[in-house]
PDB file of N, CA and C in Angstrom:
ATOM      1  N   UNK A   1      14.756  -7.388 -15.982  1.00  0.00           N
ATOM      2  CA  UNK A   1      14.052  -7.734 -14.907  1.00  0.00           C
ATOM      3  C   UNK A   1      15.615  -6.879 -13.659  1.00  0.00           C
ATOM      4  N   UNK A   2      14.624  -6.473 -12.590  1.00  0.00           N
ATOM      5  CA  UNK A   2      15.043  -5.912 -11.289  1.00  0.00           C
ATOM      6  C   UNK A   2      15.847  -6.193 -10.181  1.00  0.00           C
ATOM      7  N   UNK A   3      16.644  -6.142  -9.986  1.00  0.00           N
ATOM      8  CA  UNK A   3      17.760  -6.261  -8.459  1.00  0.00           C
ATOM      9  C   UNK A   3      17.076  -5.879  -7.388  1.00  0.00           C
ATOM     10  N   UNK A   4      16.219  -6.432  -6.809  1.00  0.00           N
ATOM     11  CA  UNK A   4      15.555  -5.259  -5.435  1.00  0.00           C
ATOM     12  C   UNK A   4      16.677  -6.119  -4.228  1.00  0.00           C
ATOM     13  N   UNK A   5      17.486  -5.287  -3.608  1.00  0.00           N
ATOM     14  CA  UNK A   5      18.520  -5.175  -2.463  1.00  0.00           C
ATOM     15  C   UNK A   5      18.192  -4.465  -1.364  1.00  0.00           C
ATOM     16  N   UNK A   6      18.052  -5.962  -0.243  1.00  0.00           N
ATOM     17  CA  UNK A   6      17.893  -5.133   1.165  1.00  0.00           C
ATOM     18  C   UNK A   6      18.891  -5.178   1.762  1.00  0.00           C
ATOM     19  N   UNK A   7      19.189  -3.771   2.661  1.00  0.00           N
ATOM     20  CA  UNK A   7      20.557  -4.047   3.145  1.00  0.00           C
ATOM     21  C   UNK A   7      20.270  -4.414   4.821  1.00  0.00           C
ATOM     22  N   UNK A   8      19.406  -3.871   5.661  1.00  0.00           N
ATOM     23  CA  UNK A   8      18.478  -4.247   6.687  1.00  0.00           C
ATOM     24  C   UNK A   8      17.429  -4.656   6.760  1.00  0.00           C
ATOM     25  N   UNK A   9      17.280  -5.876   7.775  1.00  0.00           N
ATOM     26  CA  UNK A   9      15.903  -6.103   8.241  1.00  0.00           C
ATOM     27  C   UNK A   9      14.971  -5.084   8.778  1.00  0.00           C
ATOM     28  N   UNK A  10      13.578  -4.675   8.484  1.00  0.00           N
ATOM     29  CA  UNK A  10      13.024  -4.231   9.427  1.00  0.00           C
ATOM     30  C   UNK A  10      12.491  -4.768   9.288  1.00  0.00           C
ATOM     31  N   UNK A  11      12.070  -4.847  11.473  1.00  0.00           N
ATOM     32  CA  UNK A  11      11.208  -5.170  11.918  1.00  0.00           C
ATOM     33  C   UNK A  11       9.687  -4.299  11.360  1.00  0.00           C
ATOM     34  N   UNK A  12       8.801  -5.095  12.024  1.00  0.00           N
ATOM     35  CA  UNK A  12       7.476  -4.597  11.235  1.00  0.00           C
ATOM     36  C   UNK A  12       6.738  -3.311  13.005  1.00  0.00           C
ATOM     37  N   UNK A  13       6.388  -2.538  12.505  1.00  0.00           N
ATOM     38  CA  UNK A  13       5.830  -1.031  13.745  1.00  0.00           C
ATOM     39  C   UNK A  13       7.523  -0.678  13.773  1.00  0.00           C
ATOM     40  N   UNK A  14       8.524  -0.996  13.342  1.00  0.00           N
ATOM     41  CA  UNK A  14       9.873  -0.090  13.519  1.00  0.00           C
ATOM     42  C   UNK A  14      10.663   0.466  12.645  1.00  0.00           C
ATOM     43  N   UNK A  15       9.367   1.324  11.620  1.00  0.00           N
ATOM     44  CA  UNK A  15      10.329   2.015  10.580  1.00  0.00           C
ATOM     45  C   UNK A  15      10.627   3.645  10.859  1.00  0.00           C
ATOM     46  N   UNK A  16      11.200   3.814  10.923  1.00  0.00           N
ATOM     47  CA  UNK A  16      12.510   4.975  11.326  1.00  0.00           C
ATOM     48  C   UNK A  16      12.359   6.279  10.136  1.00  0.00           C
ATOM     49  N   UNK A  17      10.642   6.759  10.426  1.00  0.00           N
ATOM     50  CA  UNK A  17       9.976   7.653   9.359  1.00  0.00           C
ATOM     51  C   UNK A  17       9.900   9.567  10.574  1.00  0.00           C
ATOM     52  N   UNK A  18      10.373  10.431   9.471  1.00  0.00           N
ATOM     53  CA  UNK A  18      10.477  11.257  10.475  1.00  0.00           C
ATOM     54  C   UNK A  18      10.275  12.385   8.917  1.00  0.00           C
ATOM     55  N   UNK A  19       9.199  13.034   9.713  1.00  0.00           N
ATOM     56  CA  UNK A  19       8.408  13.994   8.636  1.00  0.00           C
ATOM     57  C   UNK A  19       8.808  16.125   9.295  1.00  0.00           C
ATOM     58  N   UNK A  20       9.028  15.826  10.653  1.00  0.00           N
ATOM     59  CA  UNK A  20       9.655  16.552  11.139  1.00  0.00           C
ATOM     60  C   UNK A  20      10.839  16.431  12.206  1.00  0.00           C
ATOM     61  N   UNK A  21      12.082  17.272  12.148  1.00  0.00           N
ATOM     62  CA  UNK A  21      12.262  17.766  12.373  1.00  0.00           C
ATOM     63  C   UNK A  21      12.794  16.843  14.032  1.00  0.00           C
ATOM     64  N   UNK A  22      13.630  15.440  14.127  1.00  0.00           N
ATOM     65  CA  UNK A  22      13.581  15.009  15.645  1.00  0.00           C
ATOM     66  C   UNK A  22      11.482  14.048  15.976  1.00  0.00           C
ATOM     67  N   UNK A  23      10.683  14.445  14.726  1.00  0.00           N
ATOM     68  CA  UNK A  23       9.359  13.438  15.599  1.00  0.00           C
ATOM     69  C   UNK A  23       9.371  12.390  14.235  1.00  0.00           C
ATOM     70  N   UNK A  24       8.811  11.074  14.840  1.00  0.00           N
ATOM     71  CA  UNK A  24       8.970   9.934  14.628  1.00  0.00           C
ATOM     72  C   UNK A  24       7.672   9.690  14.541  1.00  0.00           C
ATOM     73  N   UNK A  25       7.398   9.015  13.500  1.00  0.00           N
ATOM     74  CA  UNK A  25       6.170   8.385  12.948  1.00  0.00           C
ATOM     75  C   UNK A  25       5.823   7.340  13.870  1.00  0.00           C
ATOM     76  N   UNK A  26       4.760   6.749  14.812  1.00  0.00           N
ATOM     77  CA  UNK A  26       4.339   5.970  15.525  1.00  0.00           C
ATOM     78  C   UNK A  26       3.354   4.891  14.110  1.00  0.00           C
ATOM     79  N   UNK A  27       3.734   3.828  13.747  1.00  0.00           N
ATOM     80  CA  UNK A  27       3.241   3.109  12.996  1.00  0.00           C
ATOM     81  C   UNK A  27       2.788   1.903  13.016  1.00  0.00           C
ATOM     82  N   UNK A  28       1.528   1.645  12.741  1.00  0.00           N
ATOM     83  CA  UNK A  28       0.391  -0.053  13.313  1.00  0.00           C
ATOM     84  C   UNK A  28       1.008  -0.712  12.328  1.00  0.00           C
ATOM     85  N   UNK A  29       1.718  -1.793  12.717  1.00  0.00           N
ATOM     86  CA  UNK A  29       2.401  -3.310  12.256  1.00  0.00           C
ATOM     87  C   UNK A  29       1.385  -3.581  11.258  1.00  0.00           C
ATOM     88  N   UNK A  30      -0.042  -3.749  11.887  1.00  0.00           N
ATOM     89  CA  UNK A  30      -0.924  -4.415  11.200  1.00  0.00           C
ATOM     90  C   UNK A  30      -1.933  -3.949  10.152  1.00  0.00           C
ATOM     91  N   UNK A  31      -2.163  -2.486   9.968  1.00  0.00           N
ATOM     92  CA  UNK A  31      -2.914  -2.136   9.417  1.00  0.00           C
ATOM     93  C   UNK A  31      -1.965  -0.848   8.842  1.00  0.00           C
ATOM     94  N   UNK A  32      -0.589  -0.572   9.003  1.00  0.00           N
ATOM     95  CA  UNK A  32       0.373   0.226   8.232  1.00  0.00           C
ATOM     96  C   UNK A  32       0.214   2.044   7.630  1.00  0.00           C
ATOM     97  N   UNK A  33      -0.774   2.207   9.542  1.00  0.00           N
ATOM     98  CA  UNK A  33      -1.086   3.232   8.989  1.00  0.00           C
ATOM     99  C   UNK A  33      -0.129   4.521  10.955  1.00  0.00           C
ATOM    100  N   UNK A  34      -0.725   5.644  10.775  1.00  0.00           N
ATOM    101  CA  UNK A  34       0.118   6.258  11.417  1.00  0.00           C
ATOM    102  C   UNK A  34      -0.710   5.563  13.315  1.00  0.00           C
ATOM    103  N   UNK A  35      -0.041   6.325  14.062  1.00  0.00           N
ATOM    104  CA  UNK A  35      -0.607   5.604  15.184  1.00  0.00           C
ATOM    105  C   UNK A  35      -0.586   7.112  15.939  1.00  0.00           C
ATOM    106  N   UNK A  36      -2.115   8.218  16.241  1.00  0.00           N
ATOM    107  CA  UNK A  36      -2.069   9.597  16.762  1.00  0.00           C
ATOM    108  C   UNK A  36      -2.244   9.316  18.115  1.00  0.00           C
ATOM    109  N   UNK A  37      -2.173  10.394  18.698  1.00  0.00           N
ATOM    110  CA  UNK A  37      -1.965  10.250  19.699  1.00  0.00           C
ATOM    111  C   UNK A  37      -3.032  10.732  20.076  1.00  0.00           C
ATOM    112  N   UNK A  38      -3.310  10.216  21.763  1.00  0.00           N
ATOM    113  CA  UNK A  38      -4.522   9.724  21.974  1.00  0.00           C
ATOM    114  C   UNK A  38      -5.781   9.077  21.337  1.00  0.00           C
ATOM    115  N   UNK A  39      -5.187   8.005  20.461  1.00  0.00           N
ATOM    116  CA  UNK A  39      -5.942   6.756  20.039  1.00  0.00           C
ATOM    117  C   UNK A  39      -5.345   5.791  20.704  1.00  0.00           C
ATOM    118  N   UNK A  40      -6.424   4.696  21.090  1.00  0.00           N
ATOM    119  CA  UNK A  40      -6.378   3.351  22.126  1.00  0.00           C
ATOM    120  C   UNK A  40      -5.071   2.885  21.504  1.00  0.00           C
ATOM    121  N   UNK A  41      -4.517   2.297  21.979  1.00  0.00           N
ATOM    122  CA  UNK A  41      -2.982   1.561  21.651  1.00  0.00           C
ATOM    123  C   UNK A  41      -2.680   0.022  22.519  1.00  0.00           C
ATOM    124  N   UNK A  42      -2.497  -0.898  21.724  1.00  0.00           N
ATOM    125  CA  UNK A  42      -2.347  -1.795  22.664  1.00  0.00           C
ATOM    126  C   UNK A  42      -0.268  -2.224  22.357  1.00  0.00           C
ATOM    127  N   UNK A  43       0.607  -1.960  23.387  1.00  0.00           N
ATOM    128  CA  UNK A  43       1.650  -2.429  23.147  1.00  0.00           C
ATOM    129  C   UNK A  43       2.599  -4.161  23.637  1.00  0.00           C
ATOM    130  N   UNK A  44       2.616  -4.516  23.147  1.00  0.00           N
ATOM    131  CA  UNK A  44       3.035  -5.955  23.257  1.00  0.00           C
ATOM    132  C   UNK A  44       4.174  -6.200  24.504  1.00  0.00           C
ATOM    133  N   UNK A  45       4.085  -6.639  25.822  1.00  0.00           N
ATOM    134  CA  UNK A  45       4.936  -6.778  26.694  1.00  0.00           C
ATOM    135  C   UNK A  45       5.893  -7.548  26.505  1.00  0.00           C
ATOM    136  N   UNK A  46       5.992  -8.285  25.787  1.00  0.00           N
ATOM    137  CA  UNK A  46       7.425  -8.732  25.344  1.00  0.00           C
ATOM    138  C   UNK A  46       8.298  -7.995  23.728  1.00  0.00           C
ATOM    139  N   UNK A  47       7.334  -7.979  23.078  1.00  0.00           N
ATOM    140  CA  UNK A  47       7.980  -7.664  21.838  1.00  0.00           C
ATOM    141  C   UNK A  47       8.393  -6.087  21.656  1.00  0.00           C
ATOM    142  N   UNK A  48       7.374  -5.530  22.364  1.00  0.00           N
ATOM    143  CA  UNK A  48       7.586  -3.794  22.704  1.00  0.00           C
ATOM    144  C   UNK A  48       6.682  -2.819  21.082  1.00  0.00           C
ATOM    145  N   UNK A  49       5.892  -4.108  20.309  1.00  0.00           N
ATOM    146  CA  UNK A  49       5.640  -3.563  19.563  1.00  0.00           C
ATOM    147  C   UNK A  49       3.946  -2.767  19.873  1.00  0.00           C
ATOM    148  N   UNK A  50       4.138  -1.658  19.016  1.00  0.00           N
ATOM    149  CA  UNK A  50       2.863  -0.641  19.266  1.00  0.00           C
ATOM    150  C   UNK A  50       1.562  -0.541  18.392  1.00  0.00           C
ATOM    151  N   UNK A  51       0.501  -0.709  18.806  1.00  0.00           N
ATOM    152  CA  UNK A  51      -0.505  -1.384  17.087  1.00  0.00           C
ATOM    153  C   UNK A  51      -2.169  -0.254  17.481  1.00  0.00           C
ATOM    154  N   UNK A  52      -2.614  -0.709  16.776  1.00  0.00           N
ATOM    155  CA  UNK A  52      -3.744   0.094  17.388  1.00  0.00           C
ATOM    156  C   UNK A  52      -4.548  -0.548  18.014  1.00  0.00           C
ATOM    157  N   UNK A  53      -5.414  -0.402  18.647  1.00  0.00           N
ATOM    158  CA  UNK A  53      -6.002  -1.679  20.038  1.00  0.00           C
ATOM    159  C   UNK A  53      -7.586  -1.871  18.744  1.00  0.00           C
ATOM    160  N   UNK A  54      -8.036  -1.406  17.859  1.00  0.00           N
ATOM    161  CA  UNK A  54      -9.020  -1.126  17.000  1.00  0.00           C
ATOM    162  C   UNK A  54      -8.400  -2.623  16.232  1.00  0.00           C
ATOM    163  N   UNK A  55      -7.100  -2.412  15.626  1.00  0.00           N
ATOM    164  CA  UNK A  55      -6.533  -3.586  14.520  1.00  0.00           C
ATOM    165  C   UNK A  55      -6.412  -4.507  15.118  1.00  0.00           C
ATOM    166  N   UNK A  56      -5.550  -5.384  16.437  1.00  0.00           N
ATOM    167  CA  UNK A  56      -5.135  -5.343  17.566  1.00  0.00           C
ATOM    168  C   UNK A  56      -6.575  -6.724  18.025  1.00  0.00           C
ATOM    169  N   UNK A  57      -7.516  -6.214  18.449  1.00  0.00           N
ATOM    170  CA  UNK A  57      -8.257  -7.288  19.391  1.00  0.00           C
ATOM    171  C   UNK A  57      -9.029  -8.235  19.029  1.00  0.00           C
ATOM    172  N   UNK A  58      -9.476  -8.100  17.863  1.00  0.00           N
ATOM    173  CA  UNK A  58     -10.143  -9.287  17.122  1.00  0.00           C
ATOM    174  C   UNK A  58      -8.607 -10.619  17.318  1.00  0.00           C
ATOM    175  N   UNK A  59      -7.534 -10.293  17.171  1.00  0.00           N
ATOM    176  CA  UNK A  59      -6.773 -10.884  16.595  1.00  0.00           C
ATOM    177  C   UNK A  59      -6.683 -11.833  18.239  1.00  0.00           C
ATOM    178  N   UNK A  60      -5.601 -10.917  19.293  1.00  0.00           N
ATOM    179  CA  UNK A  60      -5.838 -11.447  20.170  1.00  0.00           C
ATOM    180  C   UNK A  60      -6.765 -11.861  21.189  1.00  0.00           C
ATOM    181  N   UNK A  61      -8.163 -11.787  20.905  1.00  0.00           N
ATOM    182  CA  UNK A  61      -9.518 -12.696  21.066  1.00  0.00           C
ATOM    183  C   UNK A  61      -9.662 -13.713  21.068  1.00  0.00           C
ATOM    184  N   UNK A  62      -9.131 -13.859  19.021  1.00  0.00           N
ATOM    185  CA  UNK A  62      -9.270 -15.366  18.931  1.00  0.00           C
ATOM    186  C   UNK A  62      -8.341 -15.984  19.402  1.00  0.00           C
ATOM    187  N   UNK A  63      -7.255 -15.510  19.155  1.00  0.00           N
ATOM    188  CA  UNK A  63      -5.581 -16.549  19.393  1.00  0.00           C
ATOM    189  C   UNK A  63      -5.071 -16.407  20.576  1.00  0.00           C
ATOM    190  N   UNK A  64      -5.916 -15.080  21.322  1.00  0.00           N
ATOM    191  CA  UNK A  64      -4.766 -15.097  22.692  1.00  0.00           C
ATOM    192  C   UNK A  64      -3.321 -14.646  22.533  1.00  0.00           C
ATOM    193  N   UNK A  65      -3.095 -14.315  21.136  1.00  0.00           N
ATOM    194  CA  UNK A  65      -1.578 -14.088  21.291  1.00  0.00           C
ATOM    195  C   UNK A  65      -0.554 -12.287  20.619  1.00  0.00           C
ATOM    196  N   UNK A  66       0.183 -12.391  20.487  1.00  0.00           N
ATOM    197  CA  UNK A  66       0.696 -11.180  19.899  1.00  0.00           C
ATOM    198  C   UNK A  66       0.799 -11.225  18.481  1.00  0.00           C
ATOM    199  N   UNK A  67       0.280 -10.409  17.983  1.00  0.00           N
ATOM    200  CA  UNK A  67       0.754 -10.879  16.328  1.00  0.00           C
ATOM    201  C   UNK A  67       1.133 -10.762  15.851  1.00  0.00           C
ATOM    202  N   UNK A  68       2.799  -9.646  16.334  1.00  0.00           N
ATOM    203  CA  UNK A  68       4.585 -10.095  15.894  1.00  0.00           C
ATOM    204  C   UNK A  68       4.885 -10.769  15.739  1.00  0.00           C
ATOM    205  N   UNK A  69       4.847 -11.021  17.449  1.00  0.00           N
ATOM    206  CA  UNK A  69       6.503 -11.744  17.772  1.00  0.00           C
ATOM    207  C   UNK A  69       5.695 -13.612  18.092  1.00  0.00           C
ATOM    208  N   UNK A  70       3.964 -13.738  18.343  1.00  0.00           N
ATOM    209  CA  UNK A  70       3.577 -15.103  18.357  1.00  0.00           C
ATOM    210  C   UNK A  70       3.630 -15.102  19.984  1.00  0.00           C
ATOM    211  N   UNK A  71       3.669 -14.704  21.052  1.00  0.00           N
ATOM    212  CA  UNK A  71       4.015 -14.682  22.580  1.00  0.00           C
ATOM    213  C   UNK A  71       2.369 -14.993  22.906  1.00  0.00           C
ATOM    214  N   UNK A  72       2.008 -15.939  23.833  1.00  0.00           N
ATOM    215  CA  UNK A  72       1.232 -15.675  24.776  1.00  0.00           C
ATOM    216  C   UNK A  72       1.064 -14.929  25.885  1.00  0.00           C
ATOM    217  N   UNK A  73      -0.205 -13.996  25.437  1.00  0.00           N
ATOM    218  CA  UNK A  73      -0.291 -12.971  26.390  1.00  0.00           C
ATOM    219  C   UNK A  73      -1.423 -13.001  27.346  1.00  0.00           C
ATOM    220  N   UNK A  74      -1.805 -14.338  27.889  1.00  0.00           N
ATOM    221  CA  UNK A  74      -2.640 -14.541  29.188  1.00  0.00           C
ATOM    222  C   UNK A  74      -1.969 -15.693  29.546  1.00  0.00           C
ATOM    223  N   UNK A  75      -2.300 -16.829  30.675  1.00  0.00           N
ATOM    224  CA  UNK A  75      -2.459 -18.149  30.849  1.00  0.00           C
ATOM    225  C   UNK A  75      -4.105 -18.344  31.880  1.00  0.00           C
ATOM    226  N   UNK A  76      -3.825 -18.789  29.845  1.00  0.00           N
ATOM    227  CA  UNK A  76      -5.540 -20.232  31.009  1.00  0.00           C
ATOM    228  C   UNK A  76      -5.836 -20.916  32.020  1.00  0.00           C
ATOM    229  N   UNK A  77      -6.419 -21.201  32.178  1.00  0.00           N
ATOM    230  CA  UNK A  77      -6.666 -22.728  32.488  1.00  0.00           C
ATOM    231  C   UNK A  77      -6.438 -22.238  35.140  1.00  0.00           C
TER     232      UNK A  77
END
């Protein structure tokens, strides 16, 4: 049996990936794919995580919260 030791906890969407010098990838924490320039994104005003708008919209419509930090995104009533 192998042991896996995790030295640092990574937050979703905060992976530090570099493929070209100085260029970091922006990864959607919902689908784990790269967020390309010009694609509609949602950025949580509380935790700052960015994700594809198409990935997160169904969640927001149903729950009204950020899928990462779970904070409410609108005041009802």
